[in-house]
Amino acid sequence: MLRDLVLGDPALVERLVARALLAALVPLALLALAAFWLAWQEGGCSLARPPEGTPAELVELYDRNPEAPLRP
């Protein structure tokens, strides 16, 4: 494998680079997802609550049914 890399096998270089990128990006994506989930659970995520100024009727609807749209 190293011999092929030294000789300039572009397909091997491409596979190695793709694996290295995947190995670096997957843990970062999982970390970001975990951070978003924790923020959501703690109520710190802005998507977890109706925005300021939302009419009371929509806030009550949200409390009963969180997947309801929050359009005034």
C-alpha atoms as a PDB file:
ATOM      1  CA  MET A   1       0.000   0.000   0.000  1.00  0.00           C
ATOM      2  CA  LEU A   2       2.750   2.455   0.908  1.00  0.00           C
ATOM      3  CA  ARG A   3       4.633   1.447  -2.219  1.00  0.00           C
ATOM      4  CA  ASP A   4       1.562   2.319  -4.331  1.00  0.00           C
ATOM      5  CA  LEU A   5       1.220   5.644  -2.547  1.00  0.00           C
ATOM      6  CA  VAL A   6       4.859   6.485  -3.182  1.00  0.00           C
ATOM      7  CA  LEU A   7       4.480   5.532  -6.826  1.00  0.00           C
ATOM      8  CA  GLY A   8       1.527   7.906  -7.096  1.00  0.00           C
ATOM      9  CA  ASP A   9      -1.567   5.714  -7.359  1.00  0.00           C
ATOM     10  CA  PRO A  10      -4.238   8.447  -7.489  1.00  0.00           C
ATOM     11  CA  ALA A  11      -7.100   6.068  -6.650  1.00  0.00           C
ATOM     12  CA  LEU A  12      -5.359   4.942  -3.467  1.00  0.00           C
ATOM     13  CA  VAL A  13      -4.567   8.507  -2.467  1.00  0.00           C
ATOM     14  CA  GLU A  14      -8.199   9.450  -3.076  1.00  0.00           C
ATOM     15  CA  ARG A  15      -9.462   6.559  -0.914  1.00  0.00           C
ATOM     16  CA  LEU A  16      -7.050   7.426   1.898  1.00  0.00           C
ATOM     17  CA  VAL A  17      -8.054  11.075   1.861  1.00  0.00           C
ATOM     18  CA  ALA A  18     -11.748  10.149   1.832  1.00  0.00           C
ATOM     19  CA  ARG A  19     -11.263   7.821   4.800  1.00  0.00           C
ATOM     20  CA  ALA A  20      -9.313  10.460   6.701  1.00  0.00           C
ATOM     21  CA  LEU A  21     -12.017  13.072   6.099  1.00  0.00           C
ATOM     22  CA  LEU A  22     -14.737  10.649   7.120  1.00  0.00           C
ATOM     23  CA  ALA A  23     -12.818   9.674  10.234  1.00  0.00           C
ATOM     24  CA  ALA A  24     -12.530  13.346  11.189  1.00  0.00           C
ATOM     25  CA  LEU A  25     -16.027  14.548  10.259  1.00  0.00           C
ATOM     26  CA  VAL A  26     -18.199  11.778  11.700  1.00  0.00           C
ATOM     27  CA  PRO A  27     -17.136  12.357  15.335  1.00  0.00           C
ATOM     28  CA  LEU A  28     -17.565  16.114  14.891  1.00  0.00           C
ATOM     29  CA  ALA A  29     -21.064  15.632  13.493  1.00  0.00           C
ATOM     30  CA  LEU A  30     -21.978  13.333  16.382  1.00  0.00           C
ATOM     31  CA  LEU A  31     -20.606  15.849  18.879  1.00  0.00           C
ATOM     32  CA  ALA A  32     -22.637  18.659  17.306  1.00  0.00           C
ATOM     33  CA  LEU A  33     -25.769  16.501  17.348  1.00  0.00           C
ATOM     34  CA  ALA A  34     -25.208  15.643  21.020  1.00  0.00           C
ATOM     35  CA  ALA A  35     -24.711  19.327  21.913  1.00  0.00           C
ATOM     36  CA  PHE A  36     -27.889  20.290  20.054  1.00  0.00           C
ATOM     37  CA  TRP A  37     -29.831  17.509  21.809  1.00  0.00           C
ATOM     38  CA  LEU A  38     -28.567  18.614  25.240  1.00  0.00           C
ATOM     39  CA  ALA A  39     -29.483  22.232  24.535  1.00  0.00           C
ATOM     40  CA  TRP A  40     -32.919  21.086  23.390  1.00  0.00           C
ATOM     41  CA  GLN A  41     -33.430  19.049  26.581  1.00  0.00           C
ATOM     42  CA  GLU A  42     -32.330  21.927  28.800  1.00  0.00           C
ATOM     43  CA  GLY A  43     -34.548  24.402  26.963  1.00  0.00           C
ATOM     44  CA  GLY A  44     -31.572  26.439  25.799  1.00  0.00           C
ATOM     45  CA  CYS A  45     -32.235  25.830  22.137  1.00  0.00           C
ATOM     46  CA  SER A  46     -34.267  28.580  20.493  1.00  0.00           C
ATOM     47  CA  LEU A  47     -36.140  25.997  18.425  1.00  0.00           C
ATOM     48  CA  ALA A  48     -37.452  24.348  21.610  1.00  0.00           C
ATOM     49  CA  ARG A  49     -39.595  27.352  22.592  1.00  0.00           C
ATOM     50  CA  PRO A  50     -41.950  29.707  20.825  1.00  0.00           C
ATOM     51  CA  PRO A  51     -40.248  32.991  19.926  1.00  0.00           C
ATOM     52  CA  GLU A  52     -40.842  36.129  22.014  1.00  0.00           C
ATOM     53  CA  GLY A  53     -44.036  37.918  21.071  1.00  0.00           C
ATOM     54  CA  THR A  54     -45.878  34.742  20.052  1.00  0.00           C
ATOM     55  CA  PRO A  55     -49.620  35.078  20.802  1.00  0.00           C
ATOM     56  CA  ALA A  56     -50.743  33.263  23.965  1.00  0.00           C
ATOM     57  CA  GLU A  57     -53.102  31.009  22.002  1.00  0.00           C
ATOM     58  CA  LEU A  58     -50.208  29.665  19.940  1.00  0.00           C
ATOM     59  CA  VAL A  59     -48.031  29.186  23.035  1.00  0.00           C
ATOM     60  CA  GLU A  60     -50.838  27.149  24.630  1.00  0.00           C
ATOM     61  CA  LEU A  61     -51.186  25.125  21.423  1.00  0.00           C
ATOM     62  CA  TYR A  62     -47.428  24.546  21.458  1.00  0.00           C
ATOM     63  CA  ASP A  63     -47.552  23.395  25.093  1.00  0.00           C
ATOM     64  CA  ARG A  64     -50.238  20.845  24.197  1.00  0.00           C
ATOM     65  CA  ASN A  65     -48.737  19.854  20.840  1.00  0.00           C
ATOM     66  CA  PRO A  66     -45.007  20.789  20.377  1.00  0.00           C
ATOM     67  CA  GLU A  67     -44.945  19.766  16.707  1.00  0.00           C
ATOM     68  CA  ALA A  68     -47.638  22.322  15.835  1.00  0.00           C
ATOM     69  CA  PRO A  69     -46.426  25.206  13.620  1.00  0.00           C
ATOM     70  CA  LEU A  70     -45.895  28.530  15.394  1.00  0.00           C
ATOM     71  CA  ARG A  71     -47.088  30.903  12.704  1.00  0.00           C
ATOM     72  CA  PRO A  72     -49.149  33.894  13.939  1.00  0.00           C
END
